Amino acid sequence: MLQKGVKKMTLAQLRYVITVAQLGTLSSAAKRLYISQPSLTSAIKELEKELGITIFIRTNKGVVLSRQGEEFLGYARQVIEQTNLIEEKYLQDHNVKHEFCVSTQHYSFAVEAFVSLIKEYGGREYDFRIRETQTYEIIEDVAKLKSEVGILYLNSFNEVVIKKTLKENDLSFHRLFVAKPHVFLGKDNPLAKKKVTLEDLKELPRLSYEQGEHNSFYFSEEILSTLESQKEIKVCDRATLFNLLIGLNGYTICSGVINEQLNGKDIISVPLDVDDYMEIGYITHNKAVLGRFGQYYIGILKEYTKKDS
């Protein structure tokens, strides 16, 4: 029998925690939830007191999950997802907003799978997010449970450092496929119709994605990043990189997987004659069970990349 006056956590409190973790500040979460910031703060403090744990650590930039909070968030997401399933099945109002987030290096197959996920499972209301971002941020997003899934690559050069970082953050890497190195070129590039060597690329502008504060070669999105280049250009997004490939006859080293429907016909993939590889896979948190949309997304990824495995 419950003791009189004992409070029990509510579904609303679980949703509050999920929203605050996703947005990173109490003020942003309060606006999203249509409640006052003091009410939100009070609800979370009551939950922390009831559970005897600290879920969020307050900083001058907002809030971050504690280690206990990261574990609690995984359970909270499972409860809310199961609640949404019940509401969809048995309540007349089926407008349950589905939520899912993935962080990834700049891969067209990841975007293609995301599109299919929304088309197949999005429902009438959804809040799905895909972050094409820097390698370390991908790891950080999954470690802090901001994203359920992260997508990146390993090879002989970066594997030790990346796996060490994953282990420190209680994450696991799961292989999708292994690709031979290619280069992306504009279709009118003189090298577009041959197997390219590093010597062929020597005088062309090399394009790569900048990695911000963690600009170590080990976190580079492109293999062979330690090789000298006469012309180096760093970019932040895929559209800019593709425009520069065409406009400057530049190149970037990649997995070779490209989607013409998403990226157009002006970019082509050409094999690179080097003895190397890219083991592309996804990362997950060891203490969090994947939700159904995470499972659906990984299933779609495996189908899309099966031909490359």
Protein backbone atom coordinates (compact mmCIF):
# COMPACT_ATOMS: atom_id res chain seq x y z
CA MET A 1 0.00 0.00 0.00
CA LEU A 2 1.27 3.46 -0.90
CA GLN A 3 2.02 5.78 1.96
CA LYS A 4 -0.21 8.82 2.16
CA GLY A 5 1.39 11.88 0.58
CA VAL A 6 4.03 9.94 -1.35
CA LYS A 7 4.39 11.35 -4.87
CA LYS A 8 4.99 9.16 -7.88
CA MET A 9 6.70 10.25 -11.08
CA THR A 10 4.38 11.18 -13.92
CA LEU A 11 4.50 10.77 -17.68
CA ALA A 12 4.60 14.55 -17.91
CA GLN A 13 7.81 14.62 -15.88
CA LEU A 14 9.38 12.02 -18.15
CA ARG A 15 8.45 14.10 -21.19
CA TYR A 16 9.93 17.16 -19.50
CA VAL A 17 13.27 15.37 -18.98
CA ILE A 18 13.36 14.17 -22.60
CA THR A 19 12.64 17.66 -23.95
CA VAL A 20 15.20 19.40 -21.72
CA ALA A 21 17.86 16.82 -22.68
CA GLN A 22 17.06 17.33 -26.36
CA LEU A 23 17.16 21.15 -26.33
CA GLY A 24 19.84 21.71 -23.68
CA THR A 25 18.21 24.64 -21.88
CA LEU A 26 15.24 24.94 -19.54
CA SER A 27 13.99 28.08 -21.26
CA SER A 28 13.87 26.43 -24.71
CA ALA A 29 12.21 23.34 -23.27
CA ALA A 30 9.60 25.41 -21.43
CA LYS A 31 8.65 27.15 -24.68
CA ARG A 32 8.41 23.82 -26.50
CA LEU A 33 6.26 22.36 -23.70
CA TYR A 34 4.06 25.48 -23.32
CA ILE A 35 4.70 25.79 -19.60
CA SER A 36 6.53 28.39 -17.52
CA GLN A 37 10.21 27.88 -16.82
CA PRO A 38 9.71 27.93 -13.01
CA SER A 39 7.07 25.19 -13.33
CA LEU A 40 9.42 23.09 -15.45
CA THR A 41 12.32 23.60 -13.06
CA SER A 42 10.14 22.68 -10.09
CA ALA A 43 8.82 19.50 -11.78
CA ILE A 44 12.32 18.28 -12.56
CA LYS A 45 13.62 19.08 -9.07
CA GLU A 46 10.70 17.16 -7.54
CA LEU A 47 11.52 14.18 -9.77
CA GLU A 48 15.21 14.29 -8.83
CA LYS A 49 14.29 14.48 -5.14
CA GLU A 50 11.85 11.58 -5.42
CA LEU A 51 14.37 9.37 -7.23
CA GLY A 52 17.35 10.46 -5.16
CA ILE A 53 19.47 11.23 -8.22
CA THR A 54 20.75 14.28 -10.10
CA ILE A 55 19.42 14.18 -13.65
CA PHE A 56 20.77 17.51 -14.91
CA ILE A 57 23.88 19.47 -14.06
CA ARG A 58 23.31 23.21 -14.35
CA THR A 59 25.96 25.24 -16.23
CA ASN A 60 26.20 28.85 -17.35
CA LYS A 61 25.26 27.71 -20.88
CA GLY A 62 22.25 25.60 -19.89
CA VAL A 63 22.01 22.06 -18.56
CA VAL A 64 23.78 18.79 -19.33
CA LEU A 65 22.86 15.26 -18.34
CA SER A 66 24.70 13.68 -15.44
CA ARG A 67 25.84 10.05 -15.73
CA GLN A 68 22.75 9.06 -13.73
CA GLY A 69 20.68 11.30 -15.97
CA GLU A 70 21.95 9.61 -19.14
CA GLU A 71 20.87 6.22 -17.83
CA PHE A 72 17.51 7.57 -16.62
CA LEU A 73 16.86 9.22 -20.00
CA GLY A 74 17.19 5.85 -21.75
CA TYR A 75 14.48 4.37 -19.53
CA ALA A 76 12.29 7.48 -19.82
CA ARG A 77 12.35 7.28 -23.61
CA GLN A 78 11.29 3.64 -23.52
CA VAL A 79 8.35 4.42 -21.22
CA ILE A 80 7.16 7.35 -23.36
CA GLU A 81 7.51 5.37 -26.56
CA GLN A 82 5.43 2.52 -25.15
CA THR A 83 2.85 5.03 -23.93
CA ASN A 84 2.66 6.53 -27.42
CA LEU A 85 2.05 3.06 -28.86
CA ILE A 86 -0.83 2.48 -26.44
CA GLU A 87 -2.34 5.88 -27.24
CA GLU A 88 -2.09 5.23 -30.97
CA LYS A 89 -3.75 1.84 -30.68
CA TYR A 90 -6.55 2.52 -28.21
CA LEU A 91 -7.31 6.23 -28.13
CA GLN A 92 -9.43 7.93 -30.76
CA ASP A 93 -6.95 10.76 -31.10
CA HIS A 94 -4.11 9.18 -33.05
CA ASN A 95 -2.11 12.40 -33.39
CA VAL A 96 0.82 11.16 -31.31
CA LYS A 97 4.01 13.00 -32.26
CA HIS A 98 6.78 10.53 -33.09
CA GLU A 99 10.36 11.51 -32.21
CA PHE A 100 13.74 10.27 -33.41
CA CYS A 101 17.20 11.77 -33.95
CA VAL A 102 20.30 10.48 -35.77
CA SER A 103 23.74 12.11 -36.05
CA THR A 104 25.91 11.20 -39.01
CA GLN A 105 28.92 11.99 -41.12
CA HIS A 106 28.01 13.27 -44.58
CA TYR A 107 26.61 10.13 -46.22
CA SER A 108 23.82 10.20 -48.78
CA PHE A 109 22.68 6.68 -47.81
CA ALA A 110 22.05 7.94 -44.24
CA VAL A 111 19.81 10.70 -45.63
CA GLU A 112 18.10 8.27 -48.01
CA ALA A 113 17.31 5.91 -45.12
CA PHE A 114 16.01 8.86 -43.09
CA VAL A 115 13.66 9.84 -45.91
CA SER A 116 12.33 6.28 -46.09
CA LEU A 117 11.88 6.16 -42.30
CA ILE A 118 9.66 9.24 -42.36
CA LYS A 119 7.66 8.05 -45.37
CA GLU A 120 7.00 4.64 -43.84
CA TYR A 121 6.66 5.38 -40.12
CA GLY A 122 6.37 9.14 -39.57
CA GLY A 123 2.62 9.18 -39.06
CA ARG A 124 0.48 12.31 -38.96
CA GLU A 125 2.76 14.17 -36.54
CA TYR A 126 6.49 13.75 -36.02
CA ASP A 127 9.64 15.48 -34.83
CA PHE A 128 12.45 13.62 -36.60
CA ARG A 129 15.96 15.10 -36.80
CA ILE A 130 19.09 14.28 -38.76
CA ARG A 131 22.36 16.02 -37.91
CA GLU A 132 25.14 15.89 -40.50
CA THR A 133 27.91 17.02 -38.20
CA GLN A 134 31.50 16.66 -37.02
CA THR A 135 32.84 13.26 -35.98
CA TYR A 136 33.37 14.08 -32.31
CA GLU A 137 29.92 15.69 -32.07
CA ILE A 138 28.38 12.48 -33.42
CA ILE A 139 30.01 10.56 -30.58
CA GLU A 140 28.97 13.24 -28.09
CA ASP A 141 25.36 13.29 -29.31
CA VAL A 142 24.96 9.53 -28.80
CA ALA A 143 26.87 9.58 -25.50
CA LYS A 144 24.49 12.25 -24.16
CA LEU A 145 21.48 10.45 -25.67
CA LYS A 146 20.59 13.42 -27.84
CA SER A 147 20.68 10.99 -30.77
CA GLU A 148 19.81 7.30 -30.63
CA VAL A 149 22.11 6.42 -33.52
CA GLY A 150 25.37 7.82 -34.89
CA ILE A 151 26.98 6.95 -38.22
CA LEU A 152 30.74 7.12 -38.88
CA TYR A 153 33.63 5.09 -40.26
CA LEU A 154 36.72 3.28 -38.98
CA ASN A 155 39.93 2.32 -40.75
CA SER A 156 43.42 1.20 -39.78
CA PHE A 157 44.50 4.80 -39.09
CA ASN A 158 41.71 6.05 -36.80
CA GLU A 159 40.37 2.81 -35.31
CA VAL A 160 42.38 2.78 -32.07
CA VAL A 161 41.55 6.40 -31.20
CA ILE A 162 37.89 6.23 -32.21
CA LYS A 163 37.26 2.95 -30.39
CA LYS A 164 39.00 4.30 -27.28
CA THR A 165 36.73 7.35 -27.39
CA LEU A 166 33.66 5.15 -27.86
CA LYS A 167 34.64 2.96 -24.92
CA GLU A 168 35.18 6.00 -22.67
CA ASN A 169 31.63 7.10 -23.51
CA ASP A 170 30.07 3.63 -23.08
CA LEU A 171 29.27 3.30 -26.79
CA SER A 172 29.51 0.42 -29.25
CA PHE A 173 30.30 0.36 -32.98
CA HIS A 174 28.32 -1.94 -35.32
CA ARG A 175 29.54 -2.56 -38.88
CA LEU A 176 27.25 -1.89 -41.82
CA PHE A 177 29.67 -2.46 -44.71
CA VAL A 178 33.30 -2.07 -45.82
CA ALA A 179 34.00 0.21 -48.78
CA LYS A 180 37.05 0.72 -50.97
CA PRO A 181 38.15 4.36 -51.19
CA HIS A 182 36.70 6.50 -53.97
CA VAL A 183 36.80 10.17 -54.89
CA PHE A 184 33.83 12.40 -55.63
CA LEU A 185 34.42 14.55 -58.72
CA GLY A 186 32.36 16.81 -60.94
CA LYS A 187 31.17 14.84 -63.98
CA ASP A 188 33.18 17.13 -66.29
CA ASN A 189 36.42 16.69 -64.38
CA PRO A 190 39.16 15.28 -66.68
CA LEU A 191 39.68 12.43 -64.19
CA ALA A 192 36.03 11.39 -64.23
CA LYS A 193 36.48 8.45 -66.59
CA LYS A 194 39.46 6.63 -65.06
CA LYS A 195 40.70 4.91 -61.93
CA VAL A 196 42.37 7.74 -60.06
CA THR A 197 45.75 7.67 -58.30
CA LEU A 198 47.05 9.99 -55.60
CA GLU A 199 49.48 11.40 -58.17
CA ASP A 200 46.52 12.37 -60.38
CA LEU A 201 45.06 14.38 -57.50
CA LYS A 202 48.26 16.17 -56.56
CA GLU A 203 47.44 19.55 -58.14
CA LEU A 204 43.65 19.55 -57.59
CA PRO A 205 41.92 21.36 -54.71
CA ARG A 206 41.21 18.88 -51.89
CA LEU A 207 37.88 19.42 -50.13
CA SER A 208 37.17 18.11 -46.65
CA TYR A 209 34.80 18.71 -43.76
CA GLU A 210 36.13 20.82 -40.91
CA GLN A 211 36.06 19.22 -37.45
CA GLY A 212 35.98 22.27 -35.18
CA GLU A 213 37.67 22.02 -31.80
CA HIS A 214 38.48 18.33 -32.35
CA ASN A 215 40.41 18.90 -35.58
CA SER A 216 42.64 15.86 -35.11
CA PHE A 217 43.51 13.73 -38.13
CA TYR A 218 41.94 10.82 -36.24
CA PHE A 219 38.53 12.52 -36.35
CA SER A 220 38.75 13.50 -39.99
CA GLU A 221 35.81 12.40 -42.12
CA GLU A 222 38.13 11.63 -45.02
CA ILE A 223 40.81 8.93 -45.07
CA LEU A 224 44.42 9.81 -45.97
CA SER A 225 43.95 13.20 -44.32
CA THR A 226 47.61 13.30 -43.24
CA LEU A 227 48.84 13.48 -46.83
CA GLU A 228 50.11 16.88 -47.94
CA SER A 229 47.89 18.88 -50.29
CA GLN A 230 48.89 21.96 -52.26
CA LYS A 231 45.32 23.30 -52.28
CA GLU A 232 43.20 22.68 -49.20
CA ILE A 233 39.58 23.79 -48.70
CA LYS A 234 37.54 23.10 -45.56
CA VAL A 235 33.74 23.21 -45.65
CA CYS A 236 30.87 22.69 -43.21
CA ASP A 237 28.11 21.22 -45.37
CA ARG A 238 27.61 18.82 -48.23
CA ALA A 239 25.93 21.27 -50.63
CA THR A 240 28.90 23.65 -50.45
CA LEU A 241 31.35 20.80 -50.93
CA PHE A 242 29.52 19.57 -54.03
CA ASN A 243 29.32 23.08 -55.51
CA LEU A 244 33.07 23.49 -55.04
CA LEU A 245 33.78 20.08 -56.55
CA ILE A 246 32.04 21.25 -59.71
CA GLY A 247 33.18 24.87 -59.75
CA LEU A 248 36.86 24.26 -58.97
CA ASN A 249 37.36 20.76 -60.40
CA GLY A 250 38.21 19.66 -56.87
CA TYR A 251 37.89 16.30 -55.18
CA THR A 252 37.09 14.68 -51.87
CA ILE A 253 37.93 11.15 -50.73
CA CYS A 254 34.88 9.12 -49.76
CA SER A 255 33.20 5.71 -49.56
CA GLY A 256 31.87 5.93 -53.09
CA VAL A 257 28.23 5.48 -52.10
CA ILE A 258 26.17 8.24 -53.69
CA ASN A 259 22.48 8.74 -54.43
CA GLU A 260 21.84 10.42 -57.76
CA GLN A 261 18.24 11.26 -56.86
CA LEU A 262 19.36 13.19 -53.76
CA ASN A 263 22.66 14.62 -55.04
CA GLY A 264 21.99 15.12 -58.74
CA LYS A 265 23.86 13.95 -61.82
CA ASP A 266 26.74 16.44 -61.67
CA ILE A 267 28.72 14.50 -59.03
CA ILE A 268 30.21 11.09 -59.79
CA SER A 269 32.16 8.54 -57.78
CA VAL A 270 35.47 7.17 -59.12
CA PRO A 271 37.65 4.42 -57.54
CA LEU A 272 40.87 5.57 -55.88
CA ASP A 273 43.90 3.32 -56.42
CA VAL A 274 45.15 3.02 -52.81
CA ASP A 275 45.52 0.15 -50.37
CA ASP A 276 43.01 1.28 -47.74
CA TYR A 277 39.40 0.79 -46.69
CA MET A 278 36.47 2.42 -44.86
CA GLU A 279 34.48 0.32 -42.39
CA ILE A 280 31.23 2.24 -42.14
CA GLY A 281 28.87 1.53 -39.28
CA TYR A 282 26.60 2.93 -36.61
CA ILE A 283 27.15 3.59 -32.91
CA THR A 284 24.71 3.14 -30.03
CA HIS A 285 24.76 3.70 -26.27
CA ASN A 286 25.33 0.54 -24.22
CA LYS A 287 22.91 1.64 -21.50
CA ALA A 288 20.05 2.64 -23.78
CA VAL A 289 17.68 0.29 -25.56
CA LEU A 290 16.93 1.43 -29.10
CA GLY A 291 13.39 2.69 -29.61
CA ARG A 292 11.30 1.36 -32.44
CA PHE A 293 12.26 4.20 -34.79
CA GLY A 294 15.93 3.58 -34.08
CA GLN A 295 15.37 -0.09 -34.89
CA TYR A 296 13.41 0.77 -38.04
CA TYR A 297 16.14 3.18 -39.16
CA ILE A 298 18.93 0.66 -38.69
CA GLY A 299 16.88 -1.94 -40.55
CA ILE A 300 16.51 0.45 -43.48
CA LEU A 301 20.23 1.30 -43.37
CA LYS A 302 21.10 -2.38 -43.60
CA GLU A 303 18.84 -2.82 -46.61
CA TYR A 304 20.29 0.23 -48.37
CA THR A 305 23.89 -0.80 -47.75
CA LYS A 306 23.53 -4.56 -48.22
CA LYS A 307 25.00 -4.38 -51.71
CA ASP A 308 28.17 -2.82 -50.29
CA SER A 309 28.73 -5.31 -47.43
